């Protein structure tokens, strides 16, 4: 919705940067920057820092950390379950930069290596028409990996932000709030 448009510039920057970096590897004598673990981890750490900044900015530090505790539960259940949920959610959040970076790196590195190995299998035959097919596949992989990185970053941001709630639903009176 309209609430998400304020995050568009950062997410579009991630998308353009990842896409251009992915496509650079398709040119002869170039290696995709995203086939380097340093670049992918820098991107994923930037995404991690940004969505945590947004979460703290919109919710405050206490509520941002509190969302790791899960839903509100009855007191007896909360004593036992909340620490478990909190620890699982915290670990899940802390490994996101690692998984985001490794996912992008592994796919782009594998794309580069497979292209090189297949085209050098039997040089006269595999270096004529096969590179065209592999390049088309490489373009597809570049776009898919850009989509995955950007989509996951969007999901992470959406988890820590919430659009302002309008209690009227399509102009209909809301019975719960009396508005």
Protein backbone atom coordinates (compact mmCIF):
# COMPACT_ATOMS: atom_id res chain seq x y z
CA UNK A 1 0.00 0.00 0.00
CA UNK A 2 0.90 3.65 0.31
CA UNK A 3 2.79 2.97 3.54
CA UNK A 4 5.33 0.82 1.68
CA UNK A 5 6.22 3.46 -0.90
CA UNK A 6 8.58 5.20 1.49
CA UNK A 7 10.81 2.09 1.44
CA UNK A 8 10.79 1.87 -2.35
CA UNK A 9 13.98 3.92 -2.97
CA UNK A 10 16.12 1.65 -0.79
CA UNK A 11 14.59 -1.55 -2.14
CA UNK A 12 14.88 -0.32 -5.73
CA UNK A 13 18.53 0.50 -5.09
CA UNK A 14 19.10 -3.04 -3.82
CA UNK A 15 17.30 -4.46 -6.87
CA UNK A 16 19.23 -2.39 -9.42
CA UNK A 17 22.56 -3.04 -7.71
CA UNK A 18 21.99 -6.78 -7.49
CA UNK A 19 20.65 -7.04 -11.05
CA UNK A 20 23.50 -5.06 -12.61
CA UNK A 21 26.03 -7.02 -10.56
CA UNK A 22 24.45 -10.32 -11.62
CA UNK A 23 24.36 -9.35 -15.30
CA UNK A 24 27.99 -8.18 -15.32
CA UNK A 25 29.09 -11.80 -15.11
CA UNK A 26 27.56 -12.51 -18.51
CA UNK A 27 30.10 -10.37 -20.33
CA UNK A 28 33.32 -12.06 -21.46
CA UNK A 29 36.26 -11.66 -19.07
CA UNK A 30 34.00 -10.27 -16.32
CA UNK A 31 32.99 -11.96 -13.11
CA UNK A 32 29.70 -11.08 -11.46
CA UNK A 33 30.42 -9.07 -8.29
CA UNK A 34 27.68 -11.10 -6.61
CA UNK A 35 29.74 -14.24 -7.23
CA UNK A 36 31.99 -12.90 -4.45
CA UNK A 37 30.98 -13.58 -0.88
CA UNK A 38 32.24 -10.13 0.18
CA UNK A 39 29.73 -8.32 -2.01
CA UNK A 40 26.77 -10.51 -1.09
CA UNK A 41 27.48 -10.25 2.64
CA UNK A 42 27.85 -6.46 2.35
CA UNK A 43 24.44 -6.32 0.64
CA UNK A 44 22.79 -8.63 3.14
CA UNK A 45 24.25 -6.79 6.14
CA UNK A 46 23.02 -3.52 4.63
CA UNK A 47 19.54 -5.02 4.31
CA UNK A 48 19.72 -6.31 7.91
CA UNK A 49 20.82 -2.94 9.30
CA UNK A 50 18.14 -1.12 7.29
CA UNK A 51 15.18 -3.24 8.34
CA UNK A 52 16.25 -3.14 11.98
CA UNK A 53 16.67 0.64 11.74
CA UNK A 54 13.18 0.93 10.26
CA UNK A 55 11.74 -1.33 12.97
CA UNK A 56 13.37 0.65 15.77
CA UNK A 57 12.46 3.99 14.17
CA UNK A 58 8.78 3.10 13.74
CA UNK A 59 8.19 1.05 16.89
CA UNK A 60 10.87 2.10 19.37
CA UNK A 61 13.61 -0.15 20.67
CA UNK A 62 11.47 -1.85 23.33
CA UNK A 63 8.63 -2.79 20.96
CA UNK A 64 11.09 -3.80 18.27
CA UNK A 65 12.82 -6.23 20.60
CA UNK A 66 9.45 -7.18 22.11
CA UNK A 67 8.13 -8.46 18.78
CA UNK A 68 10.58 -11.36 19.14
CA UNK A 69 8.54 -12.57 22.13
CA UNK A 70 5.62 -13.63 19.95
CA UNK A 71 1.94 -13.25 20.76
CA UNK A 72 0.58 -12.30 24.15
CA UNK A 73 -0.19 -15.46 26.10
CA UNK A 74 -1.83 -16.24 29.44
CA UNK A 75 0.63 -15.76 32.31
CA UNK A 76 1.29 -19.44 33.04
CA UNK A 77 1.94 -20.27 29.38
CA UNK A 78 3.99 -17.10 28.86
CA UNK A 79 6.43 -18.04 31.62
CA UNK A 80 7.43 -21.20 29.78
CA UNK A 81 6.81 -20.46 26.11
CA UNK A 82 7.82 -16.80 25.70
CA UNK A 83 11.56 -17.39 26.41
CA UNK A 84 11.56 -20.22 23.89
CA UNK A 85 9.80 -18.15 21.21
CA UNK A 86 12.06 -15.17 21.95
CA UNK A 87 15.25 -17.21 21.56
CA UNK A 88 14.08 -18.88 18.34
CA UNK A 89 12.97 -15.54 16.82
CA UNK A 90 16.20 -13.82 17.86
CA UNK A 91 18.35 -16.55 16.32
CA UNK A 92 16.17 -16.50 13.20
CA UNK A 93 16.66 -12.75 12.87
CA UNK A 94 20.39 -12.87 13.49
CA UNK A 95 21.06 -15.51 10.82
CA UNK A 96 19.11 -13.64 8.13
CA UNK A 97 22.14 -11.70 6.84
CA UNK A 98 24.09 -14.94 6.58
CA UNK A 99 21.36 -16.84 4.72
CA UNK A 100 20.55 -13.88 2.46
CA UNK A 101 24.22 -13.46 1.52
CA UNK A 102 24.95 -17.15 1.08
CA UNK A 103 21.84 -17.68 -1.07
CA UNK A 104 22.83 -14.94 -3.51
CA UNK A 105 26.53 -15.86 -3.51
CA UNK A 106 26.01 -19.60 -3.99
CA UNK A 107 23.60 -19.21 -6.88
CA UNK A 108 25.68 -16.65 -8.75
CA UNK A 109 28.97 -18.46 -8.09
CA UNK A 110 27.44 -21.74 -9.26
CA UNK A 111 26.11 -20.02 -12.39
CA UNK A 112 29.60 -18.72 -13.20
CA UNK A 113 31.29 -22.07 -12.57
CA UNK A 114 28.74 -24.16 -14.47
CA UNK A 115 28.99 -21.85 -17.49
CA UNK A 116 32.79 -22.14 -17.48
CA UNK A 117 32.85 -25.90 -17.01
CA UNK A 118 30.21 -26.73 -19.61
CA UNK A 119 31.68 -24.48 -22.29
CA UNK A 120 35.12 -26.02 -21.76
CA UNK A 121 34.00 -29.67 -21.86
CA UNK A 122 34.69 -30.22 -25.53
CA UNK A 123 35.96 -26.86 -26.88
CA UNK A 124 35.14 -26.94 -30.56
CA UNK A 125 31.58 -28.14 -30.06
CA UNK A 126 30.63 -26.65 -26.70
CA UNK A 127 31.91 -23.16 -27.49
CA UNK A 128 29.69 -22.42 -30.48
CA UNK A 129 25.95 -22.63 -29.76
CA UNK A 130 25.91 -23.84 -26.18
CA UNK A 131 27.08 -20.49 -24.71
CA UNK A 132 23.99 -18.79 -26.18
CA UNK A 133 21.71 -21.20 -24.35
CA UNK A 134 23.72 -20.88 -21.15
CA UNK A 135 23.71 -17.08 -21.42
CA UNK A 136 19.91 -17.09 -21.70
CA UNK A 137 19.79 -19.27 -18.61
CA UNK A 138 22.25 -16.90 -16.89
CA UNK A 139 19.98 -13.91 -17.60
CA UNK A 140 17.06 -15.82 -16.10
CA UNK A 141 19.12 -16.70 -13.00
CA UNK A 142 20.22 -13.05 -12.66
CA UNK A 143 16.61 -11.83 -12.64
CA UNK A 144 15.39 -14.57 -10.30
CA UNK A 145 18.18 -13.92 -7.78
CA UNK A 146 17.44 -10.20 -7.91
CA UNK A 147 13.77 -10.93 -7.24
CA UNK A 148 14.58 -13.27 -4.36
CA UNK A 149 16.98 -10.86 -2.65
CA UNK A 150 14.63 -7.89 -3.03
CA UNK A 151 11.52 -9.85 -2.07
CA UNK A 152 13.13 -11.21 1.09
CA UNK A 153 14.30 -7.71 2.03
CA UNK A 154 10.72 -6.46 1.51
CA UNK A 155 9.35 -9.25 3.67
CA UNK A 156 11.82 -8.45 6.45
CA UNK A 157 10.83 -4.77 6.35
CA UNK A 158 7.13 -5.64 6.36
CA UNK A 159 7.62 -7.75 9.48
CA UNK A 160 8.86 -4.77 11.48
CA UNK A 161 6.53 -2.10 10.07
CA UNK A 162 2.80 -1.72 10.04
CA UNK A 163 0.65 0.60 8.00
CA UNK A 164 -1.45 3.04 10.01
CA UNK A 165 -4.78 1.39 10.73
CA UNK A 166 -7.92 2.99 9.41
CA UNK A 167 -10.80 1.65 11.46
CA UNK A 168 -13.40 2.33 8.80
CA UNK A 169 -13.54 -0.42 6.24
CA UNK A 170 -14.44 1.00 2.85
CA UNK A 171 -16.63 3.71 4.34
CA UNK A 172 -18.56 1.18 6.43
CA UNK A 173 -19.09 1.87 10.13
CA UNK A 174 -16.78 -0.21 12.34
CA UNK A 175 -18.86 -1.81 15.10
CA UNK A 176 -15.86 -2.66 17.30
CA UNK A 177 -14.54 0.89 17.67
CA UNK A 178 -17.78 2.80 17.36
CA UNK A 179 -16.37 4.97 14.55
